[in-house]
Amino acid sequence: MRRPSRLALVPLAVLAVAAATCAAASGSESRATQVDRPDVVFMTSDCAASNFLCPAFARAVKRTGARARIVSPDGREDLVGTLSLLARQGHDLVMVDFTFVDALAETAPRFPRTRFGLVDAPLGIVDGAPANVAAVVTRPNEASYLAGWLAARLERSRRGPDVVGVVGGEAIPPVQDFVIGFRAGARVGSPGVRVLTGYANDFTDPARCAAIARRQIARGAGTVFDVAGGCGPGTLAAAKAAGVWAIGVDEDRFRLGPHILTSVVKRYDREMALLIRGAPVGRTTVLGLRRGGSELGRISPRVPVRVLTELSAVRRRIVTGAIDVPGITLPRP
């Protein structure tokens, strides 16, 4: 097995800053205080490569006061070997992102006394669904429903047919959860709306998403929804150039300009904080609107107050269960 890189063995600077208050007083810190701070390691891809989970992990660490570090294996490493080494080190939690499910499936049963955490993926996708793995998933379909409703509701005030668009990275379940929720909300916001859906088959090239977004705008879309990771900035840029609305994804994109209608935000930090604090093992905990896992970001001040009031009412109906928002079916253990 290759040793993890030097970068992987050192806590990220941002994590060190998050724990600075505790570290400064380490000479006088009691043993009891140390015990109260969970010892967590997170295996994920290189944070220097724009890994969106790294800032979320830093926020979760700050919120929980955990002692934490990140390990980022390179492509040549034996992932099972690396994860096994972490399991032997006696951490309170060994957490992995959804790209390491195969290594987790092989490693977790070998270390039944180690508590593992799976970020943003259901336990059902881990072969054997090990009983010592806690999984937390944020469902974006409810927040996407709100975004779709808002986009379609605003279409009713424009001339011509009501049309909105979605530009996805690939037609895979995590993306489809956004798309299904958005489409359902749009069809309630404007029953006659057309929802154009296109996939770039790419999560890194903004030019591909921009091309799809431009085609949707040419077909009348007054709003385009980005669900494509690093490809998504192309969708947002195309909307800005055409003078139509754009909806961001994962993070609040409000700062990008007045063309941003809102964003569907996934709170990965809340997933991770829940895992650190002790999400139940052997099952999947699902976060949605009610538990603050997904939500809308800031909404453009150009949206009329009456529409915001209607949107708040729709949100309440989702939270209370009066509206059952469709989405992908999570695999069960």
C-alpha atoms as a PDB file:
ATOM      1  CA  MET A   1       0.000   0.000   0.000  1.00  0.00           C
ATOM      2  CA  ARG A   2       1.250   3.473  -0.845  1.00  0.00           C
ATOM      3  CA  ARG A   3       1.451   6.005   1.953  1.00  0.00           C
ATOM      4  CA  PRO A   4      -1.053   8.839   1.695  1.00  0.00           C
ATOM      5  CA  SER A   5       0.502  12.024   0.398  1.00  0.00           C
ATOM      6  CA  ARG A   6       2.058  14.589   2.735  1.00  0.00           C
ATOM      7  CA  LEU A   7      -0.928  16.853   2.116  1.00  0.00           C
ATOM      8  CA  ALA A   8      -3.306  14.078   3.041  1.00  0.00           C
ATOM      9  CA  LEU A   9      -1.666  13.487   6.423  1.00  0.00           C
ATOM     10  CA  VAL A  10      -1.822  17.108   7.536  1.00  0.00           C
ATOM     11  CA  PRO A  11      -5.073  18.710   8.692  1.00  0.00           C
ATOM     12  CA  LEU A  12      -6.228  21.402   6.271  1.00  0.00           C
ATOM     13  CA  ALA A  13      -5.351  24.923   7.331  1.00  0.00           C
ATOM     14  CA  VAL A  14      -9.004  25.833   7.401  1.00  0.00           C
ATOM     15  CA  LEU A  15      -9.640  23.027   9.886  1.00  0.00           C
ATOM     16  CA  ALA A  16      -6.758  24.162  12.009  1.00  0.00           C
ATOM     17  CA  VAL A  17      -8.215  27.659  12.088  1.00  0.00           C
ATOM     18  CA  ALA A  18     -11.599  26.256  13.059  1.00  0.00           C
ATOM     19  CA  ALA A  19      -9.999  24.555  16.053  1.00  0.00           C
ATOM     20  CA  ALA A  20      -7.605  27.389  16.927  1.00  0.00           C
ATOM     21  CA  THR A  21      -9.355  28.424  20.129  1.00  0.00           C
ATOM     22  CA  CYS A  22      -9.085  24.942  21.550  1.00  0.00           C
ATOM     23  CA  ALA A  23      -5.539  24.412  20.307  1.00  0.00           C
ATOM     24  CA  ALA A  24      -4.266  27.643  21.862  1.00  0.00           C
ATOM     25  CA  ALA A  25      -5.276  26.398  25.276  1.00  0.00           C
ATOM     26  CA  SER A  26      -3.973  22.859  24.790  1.00  0.00           C
ATOM     27  CA  GLY A  27      -1.497  23.135  27.639  1.00  0.00           C
ATOM     28  CA  SER A  28      -4.266  23.588  30.183  1.00  0.00           C
ATOM     29  CA  GLU A  29      -7.023  21.662  28.428  1.00  0.00           C
ATOM     30  CA  SER A  30      -8.381  18.899  30.633  1.00  0.00           C
ATOM     31  CA  ARG A  31      -8.429  15.277  29.583  1.00  0.00           C
ATOM     32  CA  ALA A  32     -12.219  15.337  29.917  1.00  0.00           C
ATOM     33  CA  THR A  33     -12.458  18.135  27.371  1.00  0.00           C
ATOM     34  CA  GLN A  34     -10.309  16.152  24.935  1.00  0.00           C
ATOM     35  CA  VAL A  35     -12.567  13.142  25.333  1.00  0.00           C
ATOM     36  CA  ASP A  36     -15.612  15.291  24.607  1.00  0.00           C
ATOM     37  CA  ARG A  37     -14.163  16.272  21.227  1.00  0.00           C
ATOM     38  CA  PRO A  38     -14.717  13.467  18.676  1.00  0.00           C
ATOM     39  CA  ASP A  39     -11.664  12.318  16.735  1.00  0.00           C
ATOM     40  CA  VAL A  40     -12.703  12.244  13.074  1.00  0.00           C
ATOM     41  CA  VAL A  41     -10.946  11.493   9.805  1.00  0.00           C
ATOM     42  CA  PHE A  42     -12.540  12.127   6.427  1.00  0.00           C
ATOM     43  CA  MET A  43     -11.419  10.316   3.280  1.00  0.00           C
ATOM     44  CA  THR A  44     -12.241  12.346   0.196  1.00  0.00           C
ATOM     45  CA  SER A  45     -10.644  13.606  -2.999  1.00  0.00           C
ATOM     46  CA  ASP A  46      -7.967  16.299  -3.022  1.00  0.00           C
ATOM     47  CA  CYS A  47      -9.234  19.548  -1.505  1.00  0.00           C
ATOM     48  CA  ALA A  48      -6.903  21.510  -3.770  1.00  0.00           C
ATOM     49  CA  ALA A  49      -8.917  20.259  -6.759  1.00  0.00           C
ATOM     50  CA  SER A  50     -12.054  22.281  -5.915  1.00  0.00           C
ATOM     51  CA  ASN A  51     -13.609  19.525  -3.824  1.00  0.00           C
ATOM     52  CA  PHE A  52     -16.855  21.147  -2.612  1.00  0.00           C
ATOM     53  CA  LEU A  53     -17.022  18.763   0.360  1.00  0.00           C
ATOM     54  CA  CYS A  54     -13.884  20.170   1.999  1.00  0.00           C
ATOM     55  CA  PRO A  55     -15.328  23.580   2.984  1.00  0.00           C
ATOM     56  CA  ALA A  56     -18.464  21.825   4.203  1.00  0.00           C
ATOM     57  CA  PHE A  57     -16.338  19.519   6.365  1.00  0.00           C
ATOM     58  CA  ALA A  58     -14.516  22.534   7.809  1.00  0.00           C
ATOM     59  CA  ARG A  59     -17.850  24.078   8.801  1.00  0.00           C
ATOM     60  CA  ALA A  60     -19.020  20.808  10.359  1.00  0.00           C
ATOM     61  CA  VAL A  61     -15.800  20.547  12.363  1.00  0.00           C
ATOM     62  CA  LYS A  62     -16.166  24.108  13.611  1.00  0.00           C
ATOM     63  CA  ARG A  63     -19.757  23.439  14.616  1.00  0.00           C
ATOM     64  CA  THR A  64     -19.007  20.220  16.502  1.00  0.00           C
ATOM     65  CA  GLY A  65     -15.578  21.047  17.920  1.00  0.00           C
ATOM     66  CA  ALA A  66     -14.188  17.774  16.570  1.00  0.00           C
ATOM     67  CA  ARG A  67     -10.495  16.989  16.213  1.00  0.00           C
ATOM     68  CA  ALA A  68     -10.321  16.285  12.522  1.00  0.00           C
ATOM     69  CA  ARG A  69      -8.173  15.754   9.476  1.00  0.00           C
ATOM     70  CA  ILE A  70      -8.660  14.899   5.818  1.00  0.00           C
ATOM     71  CA  VAL A  71      -6.984  12.055   3.950  1.00  0.00           C
ATOM     72  CA  SER A  72      -6.939  12.277   0.156  1.00  0.00           C
ATOM     73  CA  PRO A  73      -5.625   9.109  -1.507  1.00  0.00           C
ATOM     74  CA  ASP A  74      -4.202   9.397  -4.989  1.00  0.00           C
ATOM     75  CA  GLY A  75      -5.305   7.236  -7.889  1.00  0.00           C
ATOM     76  CA  ARG A  76      -2.501   4.722  -7.418  1.00  0.00           C
ATOM     77  CA  GLU A  77      -3.280   3.825  -3.830  1.00  0.00           C
ATOM     78  CA  ASP A  78      -4.892   0.685  -2.511  1.00  0.00           C
ATOM     79  CA  LEU A  79      -8.070   2.319  -1.209  1.00  0.00           C
ATOM     80  CA  VAL A  80      -9.047  -0.636   0.947  1.00  0.00           C
ATOM     81  CA  GLY A  81      -5.572  -0.618   2.462  1.00  0.00           C
ATOM     82  CA  THR A  82      -5.748   3.096   3.193  1.00  0.00           C
ATOM     83  CA  LEU A  83      -9.212   2.839   4.739  1.00  0.00           C
ATOM     84  CA  SER A  84      -8.105  -0.182   6.790  1.00  0.00           C
ATOM     85  CA  LEU A  85      -5.139   1.797   8.128  1.00  0.00           C
ATOM     86  CA  LEU A  86      -7.480   4.574   9.234  1.00  0.00           C
ATOM     87  CA  ALA A  87      -9.764   2.037  10.922  1.00  0.00           C
ATOM     88  CA  ARG A  88      -6.816   0.691  12.932  1.00  0.00           C
ATOM     89  CA  GLN A  89      -5.913   4.139  14.221  1.00  0.00           C
ATOM     90  CA  GLY A  90      -8.770   4.257  16.716  1.00  0.00           C
ATOM     91  CA  HIS A  91     -10.726   7.249  15.420  1.00  0.00           C
ATOM     92  CA  ASP A  92     -14.208   7.853  16.789  1.00  0.00           C
ATOM     93  CA  LEU A  93     -15.450   8.166  13.206  1.00  0.00           C
ATOM     94  CA  VAL A  94     -13.954   7.231   9.851  1.00  0.00           C
ATOM     95  CA  MET A  95     -15.966   9.122   7.270  1.00  0.00           C
ATOM     96  CA  VAL A  96     -15.873   8.701   3.484  1.00  0.00           C
ATOM     97  CA  ASP A  97     -17.593  10.407   0.592  1.00  0.00           C
ATOM     98  CA  PHE A  98     -19.804   8.592  -1.902  1.00  0.00           C
ATOM     99  CA  THR A  99     -16.928   7.887  -4.335  1.00  0.00           C
ATOM    100  CA  PHE A 100     -15.410   5.359  -1.916  1.00  0.00           C
ATOM    101  CA  VAL A 101     -18.408   3.068  -1.408  1.00  0.00           C
ATOM    102  CA  ASP A 102     -16.646   0.011  -2.851  1.00  0.00           C
ATOM    103  CA  ALA A 103     -13.705   0.384  -0.461  1.00  0.00           C
ATOM    104  CA  LEU A 104     -16.143   0.972   2.404  1.00  0.00           C
ATOM    105  CA  ALA A 105     -18.098  -2.193   1.575  1.00  0.00           C
ATOM    106  CA  GLU A 106     -14.916  -4.263   1.777  1.00  0.00           C
ATOM    107  CA  THR A 107     -13.361  -2.563   4.781  1.00  0.00           C
ATOM    108  CA  ALA A 108     -16.210  -1.956   7.250  1.00  0.00           C
ATOM    109  CA  PRO A 109     -17.015  -5.652   7.925  1.00  0.00           C
ATOM    110  CA  ARG A 110     -13.343  -6.272   8.792  1.00  0.00           C
ATOM    111  CA  PHE A 111     -13.497  -3.678  11.584  1.00  0.00           C
ATOM    112  CA  PRO A 112     -16.864  -4.169  13.308  1.00  0.00           C
ATOM    113  CA  ARG A 113     -15.854  -2.022  16.300  1.00  0.00           C
ATOM    114  CA  THR A 114     -15.017   0.973  14.118  1.00  0.00           C
ATOM    115  CA  ARG A 115     -17.752   3.475  13.360  1.00  0.00           C
ATOM    116  CA  PHE A 116     -17.851   4.523   9.706  1.00  0.00           C
ATOM    117  CA  GLY A 117     -19.817   7.371   8.143  1.00  0.00           C
ATOM    118  CA  LEU A 118     -20.999   7.732   4.553  1.00  0.00           C
ATOM    119  CA  VAL A 119     -21.609  11.243   3.239  1.00  0.00           C
ATOM    120  CA  ASP A 120     -24.519  11.960   0.887  1.00  0.00           C
ATOM    121  CA  ALA A 121     -25.282   8.419  -0.191  1.00  0.00           C
ATOM    122  CA  PRO A 122     -27.732   5.819   1.137  1.00  0.00           C
ATOM    123  CA  LEU A 123     -26.463   2.762   2.947  1.00  0.00           C
ATOM    124  CA  GLY A 124     -28.322   0.654   0.394  1.00  0.00           C
ATOM    125  CA  ILE A 125     -25.663   1.308  -2.266  1.00  0.00           C
ATOM    126  CA  VAL A 126     -22.956  -0.210  -0.045  1.00  0.00           C
ATOM    127  CA  ASP A 127     -22.682  -3.914  -0.761  1.00  0.00           C
ATOM    128  CA  GLY A 128     -23.813  -5.829   2.319  1.00  0.00           C
ATOM    129  CA  ALA A 129     -25.010  -2.655   4.109  1.00  0.00           C
ATOM    130  CA  PRO A 130     -22.528  -3.069   7.005  1.00  0.00           C
ATOM    131  CA  ALA A 131     -24.116  -2.591  10.416  1.00  0.00           C
ATOM    132  CA  ASN A 132     -21.311  -0.291  11.619  1.00  0.00           C
ATOM    133  CA  VAL A 133     -21.881   2.317   8.896  1.00  0.00           C
ATOM    134  CA  ALA A 134     -24.031   5.406   9.413  1.00  0.00           C
ATOM    135  CA  ALA A 135     -25.254   7.067   6.215  1.00  0.00           C
ATOM    136  CA  VAL A 136     -26.750  10.533   5.817  1.00  0.00           C
ATOM    137  CA  VAL A 137     -28.380  11.786   2.620  1.00  0.00           C
ATOM    138  CA  THR A 138     -29.640  15.247   1.780  1.00  0.00           C
ATOM    139  CA  ARG A 139     -32.603  15.107  -0.577  1.00  0.00           C
ATOM    140  CA  PRO A 140     -32.707  18.165  -2.840  1.00  0.00           C
ATOM    141  CA  ASN A 141     -36.052  17.324  -4.458  1.00  0.00           C
ATOM    142  CA  GLU A 142     -38.113  19.427  -2.032  1.00  0.00           C
ATOM    143  CA  ALA A 143     -36.014  22.572  -2.429  1.00  0.00           C
ATOM    144  CA  SER A 144     -35.921  21.918  -6.174  1.00  0.00           C
ATOM    145  CA  TYR A 145     -39.721  21.751  -6.163  1.00  0.00           C
ATOM    146  CA  LEU A 146     -39.780  25.246  -4.673  1.00  0.00           C
ATOM    147  CA  ALA A 147     -37.305  26.468  -7.294  1.00  0.00           C
ATOM    148  CA  GLY A 148     -39.387  24.972 -10.094  1.00  0.00           C
ATOM    149  CA  TRP A 149     -42.575  26.455  -8.685  1.00  0.00           C
ATOM    150  CA  LEU A 150     -40.959  29.894  -8.442  1.00  0.00           C
ATOM    151  CA  ALA A 151     -39.506  29.772 -11.951  1.00  0.00           C
ATOM    152  CA  ALA A 152     -42.804  28.707 -13.506  1.00  0.00           C
ATOM    153  CA  ARG A 153     -44.825  31.159 -11.446  1.00  0.00           C
ATOM    154  CA  LEU A 154     -42.713  34.018 -12.808  1.00  0.00           C
ATOM    155  CA  GLU A 155     -43.184  32.701 -16.336  1.00  0.00           C
ATOM    156  CA  ARG A 156     -46.874  33.520 -16.035  1.00  0.00           C
ATOM    157  CA  SER A 157     -46.009  37.228 -16.068  1.00  0.00           C
ATOM    158  CA  ARG A 158     -44.005  36.984 -19.312  1.00  0.00           C
ATOM    159  CA  ARG A 159     -45.385  37.126 -22.814  1.00  0.00           C
ATOM    160  CA  GLY A 160     -45.580  33.915 -24.786  1.00  0.00           C
ATOM    161  CA  PRO A 161     -45.677  30.287 -23.652  1.00  0.00           C
ATOM    162  CA  ASP A 162     -44.362  29.359 -20.222  1.00  0.00           C
ATOM    163  CA  VAL A 163     -41.005  27.550 -20.626  1.00  0.00           C
ATOM    164  CA  VAL A 164     -38.219  26.720 -18.154  1.00  0.00           C
ATOM    165  CA  GLY A 165     -35.086  24.622 -18.606  1.00  0.00           C
ATOM    166  CA  VAL A 166     -32.837  22.269 -16.645  1.00  0.00           C
ATOM    167  CA  VAL A 167     -29.234  21.544 -17.596  1.00  0.00           C
ATOM    168  CA  GLY A 168     -27.927  18.443 -15.825  1.00  0.00           C
ATOM    169  CA  GLY A 169     -24.468  16.917 -15.764  1.00  0.00           C
ATOM    170  CA  GLU A 170     -25.572  13.320 -16.308  1.00  0.00           C
ATOM    171  CA  ALA A 171     -28.864  11.448 -15.958  1.00  0.00           C
ATOM    172  CA  ILE A 172     -27.783   9.754 -12.722  1.00  0.00           C
ATOM    173  CA  PRO A 173     -29.872   9.438  -9.520  1.00  0.00           C
ATOM    174  CA  PRO A 174     -28.313  12.354  -7.579  1.00  0.00           C
ATOM    175  CA  VAL A 175     -28.989  14.680 -10.522  1.00  0.00           C
ATOM    176  CA  GLN A 176     -32.408  13.205 -11.228  1.00  0.00           C
ATOM    177  CA  ASP A 177     -33.538  14.006  -7.693  1.00  0.00           C
ATOM    178  CA  PHE A 178     -33.109  17.699  -8.515  1.00  0.00           C
ATOM    179  CA  VAL A 179     -34.744  17.348 -11.925  1.00  0.00           C
ATOM    180  CA  ILE A 180     -37.797  15.403 -10.760  1.00  0.00           C
ATOM    181  CA  GLY A 181     -38.519  17.819  -7.932  1.00  0.00           C
ATOM    182  CA  PHE A 182     -38.005  20.886 -10.135  1.00  0.00           C
ATOM    183  CA  ARG A 183     -40.292  19.534 -12.850  1.00  0.00           C
ATOM    184  CA  ALA A 184     -43.051  18.709 -10.345  1.00  0.00           C
ATOM    185  CA  GLY A 185     -42.923  22.159  -8.790  1.00  0.00           C
ATOM    186  CA  ALA A 186     -42.892  23.902 -12.150  1.00  0.00           C
ATOM    187  CA  ARG A 187     -46.017  22.084 -13.265  1.00  0.00           C
ATOM    188  CA  VAL A 188     -47.857  23.351 -10.200  1.00  0.00           C
ATOM    189  CA  GLY A 189     -46.504  26.889 -10.520  1.00  0.00           C
ATOM    190  CA  SER A 190     -47.811  27.000 -14.105  1.00  0.00           C
ATOM    191  CA  PRO A 191     -49.877  23.976 -15.164  1.00  0.00           C
ATOM    192  CA  GLY A 192     -49.146  24.563 -18.855  1.00  0.00           C
ATOM    193  CA  VAL A 193     -45.390  25.027 -18.495  1.00  0.00           C
ATOM    194  CA  ARG A 194     -42.899  23.205 -20.718  1.00  0.00           C
ATOM    195  CA  VAL A 195     -39.850  21.909 -18.824  1.00  0.00           C
ATOM    196  CA  LEU A 196     -36.916  21.457 -21.188  1.00  0.00           C
ATOM    197  CA  THR A 197     -34.292  19.027 -19.896  1.00  0.00           C
ATOM    198  CA  GLY A 198     -30.824  18.473 -21.305  1.00  0.00           C
ATOM    199  CA  TYR A 199     -27.700  16.653 -20.111  1.00  0.00           C
ATOM    200  CA  ALA A 200     -24.117  17.633 -20.877  1.00  0.00           C
ATOM    201  CA  ASN A 201     -22.739  14.192 -19.947  1.00  0.00           C
ATOM    202  CA  ASP A 202     -20.051  16.191 -18.218  1.00  0.00           C
ATOM    203  CA  PHE A 203     -19.453  17.798 -14.833  1.00  0.00           C
ATOM    204  CA  THR A 204     -16.369  19.858 -15.635  1.00  0.00           C
ATOM    205  CA  ASP A 205     -16.678  21.679 -18.994  1.00  0.00           C
ATOM    206  CA  PRO A 206     -18.755  24.889 -18.755  1.00  0.00           C
ATOM    207  CA  ALA A 207     -18.869  25.192 -22.549  1.00  0.00           C
ATOM    208  CA  ARG A 208     -21.026  22.079 -22.826  1.00  0.00           C
ATOM    209  CA  CYS A 209     -23.592  23.349 -20.344  1.00  0.00           C
ATOM    210  CA  ALA A 210     -23.579  26.790 -21.941  1.00  0.00           C
ATOM    211  CA  ALA A 211     -24.428  25.294 -25.322  1.00  0.00           C
ATOM    212  CA  ILE A 212     -27.403  23.372 -23.905  1.00  0.00           C
ATOM    213  CA  ALA A 213     -28.628  26.395 -21.969  1.00  0.00           C
ATOM    214  CA  ARG A 214     -28.465  28.594 -25.072  1.00  0.00           C
ATOM    215  CA  ARG A 215     -30.581  26.081 -26.993  1.00  0.00           C
ATOM    216  CA  GLN A 216     -33.165  26.041 -24.214  1.00  0.00           C
ATOM    217  CA  ILE A 217     -33.253  29.833 -24.082  1.00  0.00           C
ATOM    218  CA  ALA A 218     -33.689  29.928 -27.856  1.00  0.00           C
ATOM    219  CA  ARG A 219     -36.740  27.695 -27.384  1.00  0.00           C
ATOM    220  CA  GLY A 220     -38.258  30.203 -24.981  1.00  0.00           C
ATOM    221  CA  ALA A 221     -36.920  29.274 -21.532  1.00  0.00           C
ATOM    222  CA  GLY A 222     -37.190  32.234 -19.190  1.00  0.00           C
ATOM    223  CA  THR A 223     -35.242  30.413 -16.463  1.00  0.00           C
ATOM    224  CA  VAL A 224     -32.503  27.771 -16.679  1.00  0.00           C
ATOM    225  CA  PHE A 225     -31.583  25.569 -13.707  1.00  0.00           C
ATOM    226  CA  ASP A 226     -27.979  24.402 -13.309  1.00  0.00           C
ATOM    227  CA  VAL A 227     -27.510  20.849 -11.958  1.00  0.00           C
ATOM    228  CA  ALA A 228     -24.066  20.095 -13.326  1.00  0.00           C
ATOM    229  CA  GLY A 229     -21.248  20.831 -10.885  1.00  0.00           C
ATOM    230  CA  GLY A 230     -18.205  22.369 -12.576  1.00  0.00           C
ATOM    231  CA  CYS A 231     -20.044  22.400 -15.913  1.00  0.00           C
ATOM    232  CA  GLY A 232     -22.806  24.524 -14.402  1.00  0.00           C
ATOM    233  CA  PRO A 233     -21.132  27.943 -14.589  1.00  0.00           C
ATOM    234  CA  GLY A 234     -21.719  27.721 -18.338  1.00  0.00           C
ATOM    235  CA  THR A 235     -25.469  27.551 -17.737  1.00  0.00           C
ATOM    236  CA  LEU A 236     -25.370  30.557 -15.431  1.00  0.00           C
ATOM    237  CA  ALA A 237     -23.236  32.554 -17.876  1.00  0.00           C
ATOM    238  CA  ALA A 238     -25.564  31.752 -20.779  1.00  0.00           C
ATOM    239  CA  ALA A 239     -28.528  33.004 -18.765  1.00  0.00           C
ATOM    240  CA  LYS A 240     -26.721  36.218 -17.903  1.00  0.00           C
ATOM    241  CA  ALA A 241     -25.793  36.848 -21.536  1.00  0.00           C
ATOM    242  CA  ALA A 242     -29.385  36.272 -22.665  1.00  0.00           C
ATOM    243  CA  GLY A 243     -30.994  38.334 -19.919  1.00  0.00           C
ATOM    244  CA  VAL A 244     -33.004  35.469 -18.421  1.00  0.00           C
ATOM    245  CA  TRP A 245     -33.130  34.001 -14.943  1.00  0.00           C
ATOM    246  CA  ALA A 246     -30.684  31.347 -13.705  1.00  0.00           C
ATOM    247  CA  ILE A 247     -30.983  29.042 -10.702  1.00  0.00           C
ATOM    248  CA  GLY A 248     -27.773  27.854  -9.056  1.00  0.00           C
ATOM    249  CA  VAL A 249     -27.067  24.573  -7.330  1.00  0.00           C
ATOM    250  CA  ASP A 250     -25.374  23.264  -4.172  1.00  0.00           C
ATOM    251  CA  GLU A 251     -24.188  26.700  -2.989  1.00  0.00           C
ATOM    252  CA  ASP A 252     -25.867  30.097  -2.886  1.00  0.00           C
ATOM    253  CA  ARG A 253     -24.936  31.788  -6.206  1.00  0.00           C
ATOM    254  CA  PHE A 254     -26.637  35.096  -5.389  1.00  0.00           C
ATOM    255  CA  ARG A 255     -23.360  37.013  -5.496  1.00  0.00           C
ATOM    256  CA  LEU A 256     -22.909  36.215  -9.202  1.00  0.00           C
ATOM    257  CA  GLY A 257     -25.343  38.912 -10.218  1.00  0.00           C
ATOM    258  CA  PRO A 258     -28.953  40.023 -10.682  1.00  0.00           C
ATOM    259  CA  HIS A 259     -29.651  37.216 -13.158  1.00  0.00           C
ATOM    260  CA  ILE A 260     -29.623  34.703 -10.286  1.00  0.00           C
ATOM    261  CA  LEU A 261     -33.221  33.978  -9.294  1.00  0.00           C
ATOM    262  CA  THR A 262     -32.244  31.703  -6.395  1.00  0.00           C
ATOM    263  CA  SER A 263     -30.219  28.541  -5.721  1.00  0.00           C
ATOM    264  CA  VAL A 264     -30.988  25.041  -4.510  1.00  0.00           C
ATOM    265  CA  VAL A 265     -28.553  24.672  -1.629  1.00  0.00           C
ATOM    266  CA  LYS A 266     -27.479  21.334  -0.195  1.00  0.00           C
ATOM    267  CA  ARG A 267     -26.122  21.638   3.352  1.00  0.00           C
ATOM    268  CA  TYR A 268     -23.402  19.014   3.286  1.00  0.00           C
ATOM    269  CA  ASP A 269     -22.025  20.531   6.486  1.00  0.00           C
ATOM    270  CA  ARG A 270     -25.200  19.526   8.314  1.00  0.00           C
ATOM    271  CA  GLU A 271     -24.877  15.971   7.018  1.00  0.00           C
ATOM    272  CA  MET A 272     -21.335  15.774   8.319  1.00  0.00           C
ATOM    273  CA  ALA A 273     -22.151  17.398  11.652  1.00  0.00           C
ATOM    274  CA  LEU A 274     -24.909  14.830  12.149  1.00  0.00           C
ATOM    275  CA  LEU A 275     -22.478  12.006  11.415  1.00  0.00           C
ATOM    276  CA  ILE A 276     -19.906  13.447  13.804  1.00  0.00           C
ATOM    277  CA  ARG A 277     -22.483  13.850  16.566  1.00  0.00           C
ATOM    278  CA  GLY A 278     -23.713  10.293  16.191  1.00  0.00           C
ATOM    279  CA  ALA A 279     -26.137   9.487  13.396  1.00  0.00           C
ATOM    280  CA  PRO A 280     -27.437   5.937  13.910  1.00  0.00           C
ATOM    281  CA  VAL A 281     -25.426   3.152  12.313  1.00  0.00           C
ATOM    282  CA  GLY A 282     -26.998   0.510  10.107  1.00  0.00           C
ATOM    283  CA  ARG A 283     -29.443   2.910   8.490  1.00  0.00           C
ATOM    284  CA  THR A 284     -29.796   5.976   6.280  1.00  0.00           C
ATOM    285  CA  THR A 285     -30.831   9.294   7.802  1.00  0.00           C
ATOM    286  CA  VAL A 286     -32.533  11.565   5.277  1.00  0.00           C
ATOM    287  CA  LEU A 287     -32.434  15.364   5.494  1.00  0.00           C
ATOM    288  CA  GLY A 288     -34.812  17.594   3.562  1.00  0.00           C
ATOM    289  CA  LEU A 289     -36.532  20.929   4.052  1.00  0.00           C
ATOM    290  CA  ARG A 290     -37.822  20.054   7.497  1.00  0.00           C
ATOM    291  CA  ARG A 291     -34.398  19.156   8.877  1.00  0.00           C
ATOM    292  CA  GLY A 292     -32.526  21.879   7.045  1.00  0.00           C
ATOM    293  CA  GLY A 293     -30.611  19.613   4.695  1.00  0.00           C
ATOM    294  CA  SER A 294     -31.695  21.399   1.534  1.00  0.00           C
ATOM    295  CA  GLU A 295     -33.150  24.844   1.111  1.00  0.00           C
ATOM    296  CA  LEU A 296     -33.411  27.767  -1.250  1.00  0.00           C
ATOM    297  CA  GLY A 297     -30.642  30.325  -1.195  1.00  0.00           C
ATOM    298  CA  ARG A 298     -31.309  34.037  -1.345  1.00  0.00           C
ATOM    299  CA  ILE A 299     -34.085  35.014  -3.719  1.00  0.00           C
ATOM    300  CA  SER A 300     -33.769  37.945  -6.082  1.00  0.00           C
ATOM    301  CA  PRO A 301     -35.241  41.154  -4.652  1.00  0.00           C
ATOM    302  CA  ARG A 302     -36.958  41.604  -8.010  1.00  0.00           C
ATOM    303  CA  VAL A 303     -39.417  38.825  -7.179  1.00  0.00           C
ATOM    304  CA  PRO A 304     -42.784  40.404  -6.211  1.00  0.00           C
ATOM    305  CA  VAL A 305     -43.779  40.188  -2.558  1.00  0.00           C
ATOM    306  CA  ARG A 306     -47.060  38.438  -3.426  1.00  0.00           C
ATOM    307  CA  VAL A 307     -45.089  35.654  -5.157  1.00  0.00           C
ATOM    308  CA  LEU A 308     -42.798  35.284  -2.139  1.00  0.00           C
ATOM    309  CA  THR A 309     -45.873  34.973   0.075  1.00  0.00           C
ATOM    310  CA  GLU A 310     -47.269  32.238  -2.158  1.00  0.00           C
ATOM    311  CA  LEU A 311     -43.894  30.495  -2.149  1.00  0.00           C
ATOM    312  CA  SER A 312     -43.812  30.507   1.656  1.00  0.00           C
ATOM    313  CA  ALA A 313     -47.215  28.846   1.688  1.00  0.00           C
ATOM    314  CA  VAL A 314     -45.990  26.139  -0.687  1.00  0.00           C
ATOM    315  CA  ARG A 315     -42.967  25.547   1.541  1.00  0.00           C
ATOM    316  CA  ARG A 316     -45.174  25.138   4.614  1.00  0.00           C
ATOM    317  CA  ARG A 317     -47.311  22.582   2.804  1.00  0.00           C
ATOM    318  CA  ILE A 318     -44.218  20.549   1.933  1.00  0.00           C
ATOM    319  CA  VAL A 319     -42.877  20.646   5.493  1.00  0.00           C
ATOM    320  CA  THR A 320     -46.233  19.599   6.970  1.00  0.00           C
ATOM    321  CA  GLY A 321     -46.620  16.770   4.464  1.00  0.00           C
ATOM    322  CA  ALA A 322     -49.575  18.293   2.632  1.00  0.00           C
ATOM    323  CA  ILE A 323     -47.468  18.159  -0.549  1.00  0.00           C
ATOM    324  CA  ASP A 324     -45.666  14.898  -1.252  1.00  0.00           C
ATOM    325  CA  VAL A 325     -42.748  15.835  -3.473  1.00  0.00           C
ATOM    326  CA  PRO A 326     -41.638  13.124  -5.916  1.00  0.00           C
ATOM    327  CA  GLY A 327     -38.010  12.101  -6.239  1.00  0.00           C
ATOM    328  CA  ILE A 328     -35.757   9.139  -6.788  1.00  0.00           C
ATOM    329  CA  THR A 329     -36.343   6.032  -4.670  1.00  0.00           C
ATOM    330  CA  LEU A 330     -33.444   5.456  -2.282  1.00  0.00           C
ATOM    331  CA  PRO A 331     -32.133   1.876  -2.217  1.00  0.00           C
ATOM    332  CA  ARG A 332     -32.822   0.245   1.137  1.00  0.00           C
ATOM    333  CA  PRO A 333     -30.303  -1.868   3.076  1.00  0.00           C
END
